PDB file of N, CA and C in Angstrom:
ATOM      1  N   UNK A   1       0.836  -1.182   0.000  1.00  0.00           N
ATOM      2  CA  UNK A   1       0.000   0.000   0.000  1.00  0.00           C
ATOM      3  C   UNK A   1       0.886   1.254   0.000  1.00  0.00           C
ATOM      4  N   UNK A   2       0.576   2.192  -0.872  1.00  0.00           N
ATOM      5  CA  UNK A   2       1.345   3.429  -0.930  1.00  0.00           C
ATOM      6  C   UNK A   2       0.943   4.350   0.208  1.00  0.00           C
ATOM      7  N   UNK A   3       1.877   5.238   0.563  1.00  0.00           N
ATOM      8  CA  UNK A   3       1.605   6.211   1.611  1.00  0.00           C
ATOM      9  C   UNK A   3       0.692   7.322   1.120  1.00  0.00           C
ATOM     10  N   UNK A   4       0.225   8.102   2.052  1.00  0.00           N
ATOM     11  CA  UNK A   4      -0.634   9.248   1.755  1.00  0.00           C
ATOM     12  C   UNK A   4       0.224  10.389   1.233  1.00  0.00           C
ATOM     13  N   UNK A   5      -0.259  11.052   0.183  1.00  0.00           N
ATOM     14  CA  UNK A   5       0.478  12.179  -0.395  1.00  0.00           C
ATOM     15  C   UNK A   5      -0.243  13.482  -0.106  1.00  0.00           C
ATOM     16  N   UNK A   6       0.540  14.500   0.139  1.00  0.00           N
ATOM     17  CA  UNK A   6       0.018  15.855   0.360  1.00  0.00           C
ATOM     18  C   UNK A   6       0.811  16.801  -0.531  1.00  0.00           C
ATOM     19  N   UNK A   7       0.166  17.870  -0.971  1.00  0.00           N
ATOM     20  CA  UNK A   7       0.839  18.835  -1.834  1.00  0.00           C
ATOM     21  C   UNK A   7       0.703  20.240  -1.238  1.00  0.00           C
ATOM     22  N   UNK A   8       1.719  21.053  -1.441  1.00  0.00           N
ATOM     23  CA  UNK A   8       1.693  22.446  -1.014  1.00  0.00           C
ATOM     24  C   UNK A   8       2.261  23.312  -2.119  1.00  0.00           C
ATOM     25  N   UNK A   9       1.704  24.494  -2.301  1.00  0.00           N
ATOM     26  CA  UNK A   9       2.146  25.420  -3.342  1.00  0.00           C
ATOM     27  C   UNK A   9       2.220  26.815  -2.731  1.00  0.00           C
ATOM     28  N   UNK A  10       3.208  27.602  -3.155  1.00  0.00           N
ATOM     29  CA  UNK A  10       3.294  28.986  -2.714  1.00  0.00           C
ATOM     30  C   UNK A  10       3.912  29.822  -3.822  1.00  0.00           C
ATOM     31  N   UNK A  11       3.505  31.083  -3.876  1.00  0.00           N
ATOM     32  CA  UNK A  11       4.051  32.030  -4.836  1.00  0.00           C
ATOM     33  C   UNK A  11       4.472  33.283  -4.074  1.00  0.00           C
ATOM     34  N   UNK A  12       5.621  33.841  -4.462  1.00  0.00           N
ATOM     35  CA  UNK A  12       6.189  35.001  -3.772  1.00  0.00           C
ATOM     36  C   UNK A  12       6.550  36.069  -4.799  1.00  0.00           C
ATOM     37  N   UNK A  13       6.155  37.296  -4.516  1.00  0.00           N
ATOM     38  CA  UNK A  13       6.473  38.430  -5.358  1.00  0.00           C
ATOM     39  C   UNK A  13       7.941  38.823  -5.159  1.00  0.00           C
ATOM     40  N   UNK A  14       8.717  38.864  -6.230  1.00  0.00           N
ATOM     41  CA  UNK A  14      10.143  39.192  -6.127  1.00  0.00           C
ATOM     42  C   UNK A  14      10.369  40.601  -5.582  1.00  0.00           C
ATOM     43  N   UNK A  15       9.524  41.529  -5.958  1.00  0.00           N
ATOM     44  CA  UNK A  15       9.689  42.909  -5.487  1.00  0.00           C
ATOM     45  C   UNK A  15       9.552  42.985  -3.956  1.00  0.00           C
ATOM     46  N   UNK A  16       8.642  42.208  -3.412  1.00  0.00           N
ATOM     47  CA  UNK A  16       8.463  42.174  -1.952  1.00  0.00           C
ATOM     48  C   UNK A  16       9.730  41.696  -1.253  1.00  0.00           C
ATOM     49  N   UNK A  17      10.317  40.622  -1.768  1.00  0.00           N
ATOM     50  CA  UNK A  17      11.551  40.081  -1.180  1.00  0.00           C
ATOM     51  C   UNK A  17      12.682  41.084  -1.339  1.00  0.00           C
ATOM     52  N   UNK A  18      12.770  41.715  -2.502  1.00  0.00           N
ATOM     53  CA  UNK A  18      13.833  42.695  -2.737  1.00  0.00           C
ATOM     54  C   UNK A  18      13.739  43.867  -1.753  1.00  0.00           C
ATOM     55  N   UNK A  19      12.531  44.353  -1.505  1.00  0.00           N
ATOM     56  CA  UNK A  19      12.348  45.471  -0.568  1.00  0.00           C
ATOM     57  C   UNK A  19      12.765  45.094   0.851  1.00  0.00           C
ATOM     58  N   UNK A  20      12.338  43.918   1.313  1.00  0.00           N
ATOM     59  CA  UNK A  20      12.675  43.491   2.672  1.00  0.00           C
ATOM     60  C   UNK A  20      14.173  43.223   2.792  1.00  0.00           C
ATOM     61  N   UNK A  21      14.756  42.593   1.786  1.00  0.00           N
ATOM     62  CA  UNK A  21      16.191  42.315   1.812  1.00  0.00           C
ATOM     63  C   UNK A  21      16.998  43.614   1.774  1.00  0.00           C
ATOM     64  N   UNK A  22      16.563  44.574   0.957  1.00  0.00           N
ATOM     65  CA  UNK A  22      17.264  45.862   0.889  1.00  0.00           C
ATOM     66  C   UNK A  22      17.222  46.581   2.236  1.00  0.00           C
ATOM     67  N   UNK A  23      16.121  46.446   2.924  1.00  0.00           N
ATOM     68  CA  UNK A  23      15.960  47.145   4.206  1.00  0.00           C
ATOM     69  C   UNK A  23      16.692  46.451   5.360  1.00  0.00           C
ATOM     70  N   UNK A  24      16.585  45.108   5.434  1.00  0.00           N
ATOM     71  CA  UNK A  24      17.101  44.382   6.595  1.00  0.00           C
ATOM     72  C   UNK A  24      18.341  43.525   6.322  1.00  0.00           C
ATOM     73  N   UNK A  25      18.662  43.291   5.069  1.00  0.00           N
ATOM     74  CA  UNK A  25      19.868  42.544   4.706  1.00  0.00           C
ATOM     75  C   UNK A  25      19.972  41.167   5.346  1.00  0.00           C
ATOM     76  N   UNK A  26      21.137  40.884   5.896  1.00  0.00           N
ATOM     77  CA  UNK A  26      21.423  39.555   6.460  1.00  0.00           C
ATOM     78  C   UNK A  26      20.516  39.215   7.642  1.00  0.00           C
ATOM     79  N   UNK A  27      20.068  40.200   8.366  1.00  0.00           N
ATOM     80  CA  UNK A  27      19.155  39.947   9.491  1.00  0.00           C
ATOM     81  C   UNK A  27      17.891  39.250   8.987  1.00  0.00           C
ATOM     82  N   UNK A  28      17.368  39.722   7.857  1.00  0.00           N
ATOM     83  CA  UNK A  28      16.200  39.102   7.245  1.00  0.00           C
ATOM     84  C   UNK A  28      16.513  37.673   6.803  1.00  0.00           C
ATOM     85  N   UNK A  29      17.640  37.477   6.145  1.00  0.00           N
ATOM     86  CA  UNK A  29      17.998  36.148   5.639  1.00  0.00           C
ATOM     87  C   UNK A  29      18.179  35.142   6.772  1.00  0.00           C
ATOM     88  N   UNK A  30      18.838  35.563   7.839  1.00  0.00           N
ATOM     89  CA  UNK A  30      19.100  34.649   8.961  1.00  0.00           C
ATOM     90  C   UNK A  30      17.832  34.227   9.692  1.00  0.00           C
ATOM     91  N   UNK A  31      16.764  34.977   9.490  1.00  0.00           N
ATOM     92  CA  UNK A  31      15.492  34.626  10.141  1.00  0.00           C
ATOM     93  C   UNK A  31      14.895  33.348   9.548  1.00  0.00           C
ATOM     94  N   UNK A  32      15.040  33.170   8.238  1.00  0.00           N
ATOM     95  CA  UNK A  32      14.384  32.010   7.619  1.00  0.00           C
ATOM     96  C   UNK A  32      15.308  31.063   6.854  1.00  0.00           C
ATOM     97  N   UNK A  33      16.581  31.379   6.742  1.00  0.00           N
ATOM     98  CA  UNK A  33      17.503  30.512   6.010  1.00  0.00           C
ATOM     99  C   UNK A  33      18.683  30.095   6.886  1.00  0.00           C
ATOM    100  N   UNK A  34      19.186  28.906   6.618  1.00  0.00           N
ATOM    101  CA  UNK A  34      20.406  28.440   7.275  1.00  0.00           C
ATOM    102  C   UNK A  34      21.608  29.098   6.597  1.00  0.00           C
ATOM    103  N   UNK A  35      22.767  28.978   7.196  1.00  0.00           N
ATOM    104  CA  UNK A  35      23.982  29.513   6.599  1.00  0.00           C
ATOM    105  C   UNK A  35      24.255  28.933   5.222  1.00  0.00           C
ATOM    106  N   UNK A  36      24.030  27.653   5.065  1.00  0.00           N
ATOM    107  CA  UNK A  36      24.257  27.007   3.766  1.00  0.00           C
ATOM    108  C   UNK A  36      23.271  27.517   2.709  1.00  0.00           C
ATOM    109  N   UNK A  37      22.014  27.710   3.104  1.00  0.00           N
ATOM    110  CA  UNK A  37      21.016  28.245   2.170  1.00  0.00           C
ATOM    111  C   UNK A  37      21.377  29.679   1.757  1.00  0.00           C
ATOM    112  N   UNK A  38      21.797  30.490   2.721  1.00  0.00           N
ATOM    113  CA  UNK A  38      22.194  31.870   2.418  1.00  0.00           C
ATOM    114  C   UNK A  38      23.352  31.877   1.428  1.00  0.00           C
ATOM    115  N   UNK A  39      24.353  31.054   1.692  1.00  0.00           N
ATOM    116  CA  UNK A  39      25.516  30.968   0.804  1.00  0.00           C
ATOM    117  C   UNK A  39      25.101  30.579  -0.617  1.00  0.00           C
ATOM    118  N   UNK A  40      24.222  29.596  -0.742  1.00  0.00           N
ATOM    119  CA  UNK A  40      23.741  29.178  -2.065  1.00  0.00           C
ATOM    120  C   UNK A  40      23.067  30.344  -2.788  1.00  0.00           C
ATOM    121  N   UNK A  41      22.171  31.028  -2.099  1.00  0.00           N
ATOM    122  CA  UNK A  41      21.419  32.123  -2.723  1.00  0.00           C
ATOM    123  C   UNK A  41      22.317  33.277  -3.136  1.00  0.00           C
ATOM    124  N   UNK A  42      23.246  33.649  -2.267  1.00  0.00           N
ATOM    125  CA  UNK A  42      24.092  34.809  -2.550  1.00  0.00           C
ATOM    126  C   UNK A  42      25.083  34.559  -3.683  1.00  0.00           C
ATOM    127  N   UNK A  43      25.266  33.283  -4.047  1.00  0.00           N
ATOM    128  CA  UNK A  43      26.172  32.955  -5.145  1.00  0.00           C
ATOM    129  C   UNK A  43      25.435  32.616  -6.441  1.00  0.00           C
ATOM    130  N   UNK A  44      24.132  32.819  -6.456  1.00  0.00           N
ATOM    131  CA  UNK A  44      23.344  32.590  -7.669  1.00  0.00           C
ATOM    132  C   UNK A  44      23.371  33.863  -8.523  1.00  0.00           C
ATOM    133  N   UNK A  45      23.237  33.735  -9.835  1.00  0.00           N
ATOM    134  CA  UNK A  45      23.220  34.922 -10.698  1.00  0.00           C
ATOM    135  C   UNK A  45      22.049  35.857 -10.387  1.00  0.00           C
ATOM    136  N   UNK A  46      20.918  35.306 -10.009  1.00  0.00           N
ATOM    137  CA  UNK A  46      19.726  36.091  -9.675  1.00  0.00           C
ATOM    138  C   UNK A  46      19.416  35.914  -8.190  1.00  0.00           C
ATOM    139  N   UNK A  47      20.093  36.674  -7.366  1.00  0.00           N
ATOM    140  CA  UNK A  47      20.008  36.511  -5.907  1.00  0.00           C
ATOM    141  C   UNK A  47      18.576  36.655  -5.396  1.00  0.00           C
ATOM    142  N   UNK A  48      17.874  37.688  -5.792  1.00  0.00           N
ATOM    143  CA  UNK A  48      16.517  37.930  -5.288  1.00  0.00           C
ATOM    144  C   UNK A  48      15.581  36.790  -5.695  1.00  0.00           C
ATOM    145  N   UNK A  49      15.672  36.342  -6.926  1.00  0.00           N
ATOM    146  CA  UNK A  49      14.831  35.229  -7.388  1.00  0.00           C
ATOM    147  C   UNK A  49      15.141  33.965  -6.591  1.00  0.00           C
ATOM    148  N   UNK A  50      16.406  33.741  -6.294  1.00  0.00           N
ATOM    149  CA  UNK A  50      16.794  32.571  -5.513  1.00  0.00           C
ATOM    150  C   UNK A  50      16.249  32.659  -4.083  1.00  0.00           C
ATOM    151  N   UNK A  51      16.345  33.829  -3.477  1.00  0.00           N
ATOM    152  CA  UNK A  51      15.804  34.025  -2.129  1.00  0.00           C
ATOM    153  C   UNK A  51      14.290  33.811  -2.115  1.00  0.00           C
ATOM    154  N   UNK A  52      13.615  34.402  -3.090  1.00  0.00           N
ATOM    155  CA  UNK A  52      12.159  34.260  -3.177  1.00  0.00           C
ATOM    156  C   UNK A  52      11.766  32.802  -3.406  1.00  0.00           C
ATOM    157  N   UNK A  53      12.544  32.098  -4.215  1.00  0.00           N
ATOM    158  CA  UNK A  53      12.272  30.685  -4.456  1.00  0.00           C
ATOM    159  C   UNK A  53      12.406  29.846  -3.197  1.00  0.00           C
ATOM    160  N   UNK A  54      13.435  30.117  -2.399  1.00  0.00           N
ATOM    161  CA  UNK A  54      13.614  29.399  -1.131  1.00  0.00           C
ATOM    162  C   UNK A  54      12.467  29.704  -0.162  1.00  0.00           C
ATOM    163  N   UNK A  55      12.098  30.976  -0.121  1.00  0.00           N
ATOM    164  CA  UNK A  55      10.996  31.396   0.737  1.00  0.00           C
ATOM    165  C   UNK A  55       9.706  30.658   0.336  1.00  0.00           C
ATOM    166  N   UNK A  56       9.391  30.658  -0.968  1.00  0.00           N
ATOM    167  CA  UNK A  56       8.198  29.969  -1.471  1.00  0.00           C
ATOM    168  C   UNK A  56       8.271  28.471  -1.206  1.00  0.00           C
ATOM    169  N   UNK A  57       9.456  27.888  -1.375  1.00  0.00           N
ATOM    170  CA  UNK A  57       9.618  26.446  -1.153  1.00  0.00           C
ATOM    171  C   UNK A  57       9.356  26.075   0.304  1.00  0.00           C
ATOM    172  N   UNK A  58       9.850  26.881   1.217  1.00  0.00           N
ATOM    173  CA  UNK A  58       9.624  26.596   2.643  1.00  0.00           C
ATOM    174  C   UNK A  58       8.133  26.706   2.976  1.00  0.00           C
ATOM    175  N   UNK A  59       7.465  27.699   2.418  1.00  0.00           N
ATOM    176  CA  UNK A  59       6.022  27.834   2.625  1.00  0.00           C
ATOM    177  C   UNK A  59       5.281  26.630   2.031  1.00  0.00           C
ATOM    178  N   UNK A  60       5.694  26.191   0.847  1.00  0.00           N
ATOM    179  CA  UNK A  60       5.042  25.052   0.204  1.00  0.00           C
ATOM    180  C   UNK A  60       5.213  23.777   1.034  1.00  0.00           C
ATOM    181  N   UNK A  61       6.389  23.592   1.618  1.00  0.00           N
ATOM    182  CA  UNK A  61       6.635  22.397   2.445  1.00  0.00           C
ATOM    183  C   UNK A  61       5.707  22.367   3.653  1.00  0.00           C
ATOM    184  N   UNK A  62       5.589  23.485   4.368  1.00  0.00           N
ATOM    185  CA  UNK A  62       4.735  23.469   5.563  1.00  0.00           C
ATOM    186  C   UNK A  62       3.257  23.378   5.202  1.00  0.00           C
ATOM    187  N   UNK A  63       2.894  23.841   4.001  1.00  0.00           N
ATOM    188  CA  UNK A  63       1.513  23.648   3.545  1.00  0.00           C
ATOM    189  C   UNK A  63       1.254  22.170   3.267  1.00  0.00           C
ATOM    190  N   UNK A  64       2.206  21.500   2.635  1.00  0.00           N
ATOM    191  CA  UNK A  64       2.061  20.065   2.387  1.00  0.00           C
ATOM    192  C   UNK A  64       2.034  19.290   3.705  1.00  0.00           C
ATOM    193  N   UNK A  65       2.823  19.736   4.651  1.00  0.00           N
ATOM    194  CA  UNK A  65       2.857  19.106   5.970  1.00  0.00           C
ATOM    195  C   UNK A  65       1.533  19.320   6.709  1.00  0.00           C
ATOM    196  N   UNK A  66       0.891  20.446   6.421  1.00  0.00           N
ATOM    197  CA  UNK A  66      -0.395  20.737   7.034  1.00  0.00           C
ATOM    198  C   UNK A  66      -0.310  21.463   8.360  1.00  0.00           C
ATOM    199  N   UNK A  67       0.869  21.947   8.707  1.00  0.00           N
ATOM    200  CA  UNK A  67       1.054  22.584  10.008  1.00  0.00           C
ATOM    201  C   UNK A  67       1.265  24.083   9.914  1.00  0.00           C
ATOM    202  N   UNK A  68       1.733  24.570   8.772  1.00  0.00           N
ATOM    203  CA  UNK A  68       2.205  25.937   8.711  1.00  0.00           C
ATOM    204  C   UNK A  68       3.410  26.063   9.626  1.00  0.00           C
ATOM    205  N   UNK A  69       3.859  27.283   9.822  1.00  0.00           N
ATOM    206  CA  UNK A  69       4.964  27.512  10.753  1.00  0.00           C
ATOM    207  C   UNK A  69       4.346  27.725  12.130  1.00  0.00           C
ATOM    208  N   UNK A  70       4.114  26.626  12.811  1.00  0.00           N
ATOM    209  CA  UNK A  70       3.499  26.695  14.137  1.00  0.00           C
ATOM    210  C   UNK A  70       4.019  25.548  14.985  1.00  0.00           C
ATOM    211  N   UNK A  71       3.856  25.683  16.279  1.00  0.00           N
ATOM    212  CA  UNK A  71       4.318  24.625  17.164  1.00  0.00           C
ATOM    213  C   UNK A  71       5.807  24.430  17.028  1.00  0.00           C
ATOM    214  N   UNK A  72       6.205  23.198  16.742  1.00  0.00           N
ATOM    215  CA  UNK A  72       7.637  22.914  16.686  1.00  0.00           C
ATOM    216  C   UNK A  72       8.252  23.089  15.298  1.00  0.00           C
ATOM    217  N   UNK A  73       7.442  23.353  14.276  1.00  0.00           N
ATOM    218  CA  UNK A  73       7.975  23.553  12.925  1.00  0.00           C
ATOM    219  C   UNK A  73       8.329  25.029  12.744  1.00  0.00           C
ATOM    220  N   UNK A  74       9.568  25.288  12.410  1.00  0.00           N
ATOM    221  CA  UNK A  74      10.004  26.660  12.175  1.00  0.00           C
ATOM    222  C   UNK A  74      10.815  26.718  10.884  1.00  0.00           C
ATOM    223  N   UNK A  75      11.193  27.934  10.491  1.00  0.00           N
ATOM    224  CA  UNK A  75      11.879  28.154   9.217  1.00  0.00           C
ATOM    225  C   UNK A  75      13.123  27.291   9.039  1.00  0.00           C
ATOM    226  N   UNK A  76      13.819  27.023  10.131  1.00  0.00           N
ATOM    227  CA  UNK A  76      15.083  26.287  10.019  1.00  0.00           C
ATOM    228  C   UNK A  76      14.960  24.819  10.430  1.00  0.00           C
ATOM    229  N   UNK A  77      13.715  24.300  10.481  1.00  0.00           N
ATOM    230  CA  UNK A  77      13.505  22.874  10.746  1.00  0.00           C
ATOM    231  C   UNK A  77      13.942  22.021   9.556  1.00  0.00           C
ATOM    232  N   UNK A  78      14.083  22.678   8.403  1.00  0.00           N
ATOM    233  CA  UNK A  78      14.503  21.993   7.178  1.00  0.00           C
ATOM    234  C   UNK A  78      15.188  23.014   6.279  1.00  0.00           C
ATOM    235  N   UNK A  79      15.952  22.512   5.329  1.00  0.00           N
ATOM    236  CA  UNK A  79      16.673  23.362   4.386  1.00  0.00           C
ATOM    237  C   UNK A  79      16.259  23.022   2.960  1.00  0.00           C
ATOM    238  N   UNK A  80      16.299  24.021   2.115  1.00  0.00           N
ATOM    239  CA  UNK A  80      16.096  23.826   0.676  1.00  0.00           C
ATOM    240  C   UNK A  80      17.473  24.028   0.036  1.00  0.00           C
ATOM    241  N   UNK A  81      18.061  22.936  -0.410  1.00  0.00           N
ATOM    242  CA  UNK A  81      19.412  22.964  -0.978  1.00  0.00           C
ATOM    243  C   UNK A  81      19.355  22.529  -2.441  1.00  0.00           C
ATOM    244  N   UNK A  82      20.497  22.432  -3.078  1.00  0.00           N
ATOM    245  CA  UNK A  82      20.574  21.977  -4.460  1.00  0.00           C
ATOM    246  C   UNK A  82      21.561  20.827  -4.565  1.00  0.00           C
ATOM    247  N   UNK A  83      21.209  19.844  -5.397  1.00  0.00           N
ATOM    248  CA  UNK A  83      22.161  18.762  -5.641  1.00  0.00           C
ATOM    249  C   UNK A  83      23.208  19.237  -6.654  1.00  0.00           C
ATOM    250  N   UNK A  84      24.101  18.357  -7.051  1.00  0.00           N
ATOM    251  CA  UNK A  84      25.202  18.723  -7.954  1.00  0.00           C
ATOM    252  C   UNK A  84      24.713  19.230  -9.307  1.00  0.00           C
ATOM    253  N   UNK A  85      23.526  18.795  -9.701  1.00  0.00           N
ATOM    254  CA  UNK A  85      22.963  19.218 -10.990  1.00  0.00           C
ATOM    255  C   UNK A  85      22.125  20.489 -10.865  1.00  0.00           C
ATOM    256  N   UNK A  86      22.006  21.033  -9.644  1.00  0.00           N
ATOM    257  CA  UNK A  86      21.236  22.251  -9.435  1.00  0.00           C
ATOM    258  C   UNK A  86      19.790  22.027  -9.044  1.00  0.00           C
ATOM    259  N   UNK A  87      19.388  20.771  -8.990  1.00  0.00           N
ATOM    260  CA  UNK A  87      17.999  20.437  -8.649  1.00  0.00           C
ATOM    261  C   UNK A  87      17.769  20.653  -7.153  1.00  0.00           C
ATOM    262  N   UNK A  88      16.681  21.358  -6.771  1.00  0.00           N
ATOM    263  CA  UNK A  88      16.434  21.586  -5.347  1.00  0.00           C
ATOM    264  C   UNK A  88      15.962  20.319  -4.630  1.00  0.00           C
ATOM    265  N   UNK A  89      16.351  20.218  -3.372  1.00  0.00           N
ATOM    266  CA  UNK A  89      15.874  19.118  -2.534  1.00  0.00           C
ATOM    267  C   UNK A  89      15.718  19.615  -1.106  1.00  0.00           C
ATOM    268  N   UNK A  90      14.960  18.863  -0.317  1.00  0.00           N
ATOM    269  CA  UNK A  90      14.698  19.210   1.074  1.00  0.00           C
ATOM    270  C   UNK A  90      15.576  18.346   1.970  1.00  0.00           C
ATOM    271  N   UNK A  91      16.302  19.006   2.868  1.00  0.00           N
ATOM    272  CA  UNK A  91      17.071  18.279   3.884  1.00  0.00           C
ATOM    273  C   UNK A  91      16.444  18.600   5.240  1.00  0.00           C
ATOM    274  N   UNK A  92      15.999  17.553   5.926  1.00  0.00           N
ATOM    275  CA  UNK A  92      15.394  17.734   7.240  1.00  0.00           C
ATOM    276  C   UNK A  92      16.483  17.993   8.268  1.00  0.00           C
ATOM    277  N   UNK A  93      16.337  19.059   9.021  1.00  0.00           N
ATOM    278  CA  UNK A  93      17.272  19.405  10.085  1.00  0.00           C
ATOM    279  C   UNK A  93      16.730  18.890  11.409  1.00  0.00           C
ATOM    280  N   UNK A  94      15.437  19.101  11.641  1.00  0.00           N
ATOM    281  CA  UNK A  94      14.763  18.649  12.852  1.00  0.00           C
ATOM    282  C   UNK A  94      13.721  17.623  12.437  1.00  0.00           C
ATOM    283  N   UNK A  95      14.127  16.369  12.317  1.00  0.00           N
ATOM    284  CA  UNK A  95      13.243  15.333  11.784  1.00  0.00           C
ATOM    285  C   UNK A  95      12.045  15.048  12.683  1.00  0.00           C
ATOM    286  N   UNK A  96      12.090  15.483  13.946  1.00  0.00           N
ATOM    287  CA  UNK A  96      10.941  15.284  14.840  1.00  0.00           C
ATOM    288  C   UNK A  96       9.716  16.063  14.382  1.00  0.00           C
ATOM    289  N   UNK A  97       9.912  17.058  13.548  1.00  0.00           N
ATOM    290  CA  UNK A  97       8.806  17.887  13.055  1.00  0.00           C
ATOM    291  C   UNK A  97       8.054  17.221  11.911  1.00  0.00           C
ATOM    292  N   UNK A  98       8.601  16.144  11.368  1.00  0.00           N
ATOM    293  CA  UNK A  98       8.034  15.520  10.186  1.00  0.00           C
ATOM    294  C   UNK A  98       7.641  14.079  10.487  1.00  0.00           C
ATOM    295  N   UNK A  99       6.638  13.558   9.776  1.00  0.00           N
ATOM    296  CA  UNK A  99       6.241  12.158   9.982  1.00  0.00           C
ATOM    297  C   UNK A  99       7.410  11.223   9.693  1.00  0.00           C
ATOM    298  N   UNK A 100       7.528  10.177  10.486  1.00  0.00           N
ATOM    299  CA  UNK A 100       8.606   9.196  10.305  1.00  0.00           C
ATOM    300  C   UNK A 100       8.559   8.630   8.892  1.00  0.00           C
ATOM    301  N   UNK A 101       9.713   8.597   8.252  1.00  0.00           N
ATOM    302  CA  UNK A 101       9.837   8.009   6.926  1.00  0.00           C
ATOM    303  C   UNK A 101       9.206   8.810   5.806  1.00  0.00           C
ATOM    304  N   UNK A 102       8.889  10.068   6.042  1.00  0.00           N
ATOM    305  CA  UNK A 102       8.269  10.861   4.967  1.00  0.00           C
ATOM    306  C   UNK A 102       9.315  11.230   3.919  1.00  0.00           C
ATOM    307  N   UNK A 103       8.838  11.455   2.725  1.00  0.00           N
ATOM    308  CA  UNK A 103       9.674  11.873   1.614  1.00  0.00           C
ATOM    309  C   UNK A 103       9.091  13.179   1.075  1.00  0.00           C
ATOM    310  N   UNK A 104       9.949  14.160   0.804  1.00  0.00           N
ATOM    311  CA  UNK A 104       9.477  15.450   0.301  1.00  0.00           C
ATOM    312  C   UNK A 104      10.212  15.780  -0.995  1.00  0.00           C
ATOM    313  N   UNK A 105       9.449  16.006  -2.031  1.00  0.00           N
ATOM    314  CA  UNK A 105       9.993  16.456  -3.323  1.00  0.00           C
ATOM    315  C   UNK A 105       9.616  17.921  -3.498  1.00  0.00           C
ATOM    316  N   UNK A 106      10.493  18.684  -4.126  1.00  0.00           N
ATOM    317  CA  UNK A 106      10.270  20.120  -4.272  1.00  0.00           C
ATOM    318  C   UNK A 106      10.594  20.559  -5.699  1.00  0.00           C
ATOM    319  N   UNK A 107       9.837  21.537  -6.180  1.00  0.00           N
ATOM    320  CA  UNK A 107      10.120  22.145  -7.471  1.00  0.00           C
ATOM    321  C   UNK A 107       9.975  23.659  -7.309  1.00  0.00           C
ATOM    322  N   UNK A 108      10.920  24.411  -7.878  1.00  0.00           N
ATOM    323  CA  UNK A 108      10.931  25.866  -7.770  1.00  0.00           C
ATOM    324  C   UNK A 108      11.089  26.463  -9.163  1.00  0.00           C
ATOM    325  N   UNK A 109      10.328  27.514  -9.440  1.00  0.00           N
ATOM    326  CA  UNK A 109      10.461  28.232 -10.707  1.00  0.00           C
ATOM    327  C   UNK A 109      10.296  29.724 -10.428  1.00  0.00           C
ATOM    328  N   UNK A 110      10.862  30.543 -11.309  1.00  0.00           N
ATOM    329  CA  UNK A 110      10.681  31.983 -11.175  1.00  0.00           C
ATOM    330  C   UNK A 110      10.779  32.654 -12.532  1.00  0.00           C
ATOM    331  N   UNK A 111      10.176  33.841 -12.585  1.00  0.00           N
ATOM    332  CA  UNK A 111      10.310  34.684 -13.765  1.00  0.00           C
ATOM    333  C   UNK A 111      10.692  36.077 -13.275  1.00  0.00           C
ATOM    334  N   UNK A 112      10.446  37.099 -14.048  1.00  0.00           N
ATOM    335  CA  UNK A 112      10.857  38.457 -13.658  1.00  0.00           C
ATOM    336  C   UNK A 112      10.071  39.011 -12.480  1.00  0.00           C
ATOM    337  N   UNK A 113       8.893  38.447 -12.190  1.00  0.00           N
ATOM    338  CA  UNK A 113       8.009  39.031 -11.190  1.00  0.00           C
ATOM    339  C   UNK A 113       7.754  38.173  -9.954  1.00  0.00           C
ATOM    340  N   UNK A 114       7.857  36.867 -10.089  1.00  0.00           N
ATOM    341  CA  UNK A 114       7.473  35.994  -8.977  1.00  0.00           C
ATOM    342  C   UNK A 114       8.261  34.691  -8.980  1.00  0.00           C
ATOM    343  N   UNK A 115       8.291  34.086  -7.811  1.00  0.00           N
ATOM    344  CA  UNK A 115       8.855  32.743  -7.664  1.00  0.00           C
ATOM    345  C   UNK A 115       7.712  31.852  -7.159  1.00  0.00           C
ATOM    346  N   UNK A 116       7.686  30.638  -7.641  1.00  0.00           N
ATOM    347  CA  UNK A 116       6.650  29.692  -7.239  1.00  0.00           C
ATOM    348  C   UNK A 116       7.325  28.377  -6.863  1.00  0.00           C
ATOM    349  N   UNK A 117       6.760  27.714  -5.877  1.00  0.00           N
ATOM    350  CA  UNK A 117       7.303  26.421  -5.469  1.00  0.00           C
ATOM    351  C   UNK A 117       6.161  25.451  -5.173  1.00  0.00           C
ATOM    352  N   UNK A 118       6.420  24.196  -5.458  1.00  0.00           N
ATOM    353  CA  UNK A 118       5.476  23.117  -5.173  1.00  0.00           C
ATOM    354  C   UNK A 118       6.223  22.063  -4.363  1.00  0.00           C
ATOM    355  N   UNK A 119       5.562  21.575  -3.316  1.00  0.00           N
ATOM    356  CA  UNK A 119       6.139  20.505  -2.498  1.00  0.00           C
ATOM    357  C   UNK A 119       5.183  19.330  -2.498  1.00  0.00           C
ATOM    358  N   UNK A 120       5.743  18.155  -2.651  1.00  0.00           N
ATOM    359  CA  UNK A 120       4.972  16.912  -2.581  1.00  0.00           C
ATOM    360  C   UNK A 120       5.520  16.099  -1.428  1.00  0.00           C
ATOM    361  N   UNK A 121       4.693  15.870  -0.427  1.00  0.00           N
ATOM    362  CA  UNK A 121       5.097  15.122   0.764  1.00  0.00           C
ATOM    363  C   UNK A 121       4.391  13.767   0.731  1.00  0.00           C
ATOM    364  N   UNK A 122       5.184  12.703   0.826  1.00  0.00           N
ATOM    365  CA  UNK A 122       4.596  11.368   0.893  1.00  0.00           C
ATOM    366  C   UNK A 122       4.884  10.790   2.270  1.00  0.00           C
ATOM    367  N   UNK A 123       3.817  10.430   2.941  1.00  0.00           N
ATOM    368  CA  UNK A 123       3.942   9.819   4.272  1.00  0.00           C
ATOM    369  C   UNK A 123       4.077   8.313   4.094  1.00  0.00           C
ATOM    370  N   UNK A 124       4.970   7.721   4.853  1.00  0.00           N
ATOM    371  CA  UNK A 124       5.226   6.276   4.742  1.00  0.00           C
ATOM    372  C   UNK A 124       4.005   5.482   5.185  1.00  0.00           C
TER     373      UNK A 124
END
């Protein structure tokens, strides 16, 4: 029998992220990203799009989880990283926040105005 699947989607306006980042800089980034995530984003050709994509991906994951950012799930309970080919993946930092044996797939896209992310969570 296959596990139960849940999906989450989020879209983020790039201009919104650019304004907050311009105003608060690293303080803003450290609130929702790990050091490794920050490093990845700051070394991308389109920094704002990368930041917005990570932000949308984290929102999509907690929507798929069904908890939002509440209780024990917080921004740094998991990371959105990239494999060697550039494909995004989710690394659980605090696995107690997620169902045992769950698998999370993520997809991120952006254009000149917005970043969108979809998360697919499969419970064992």
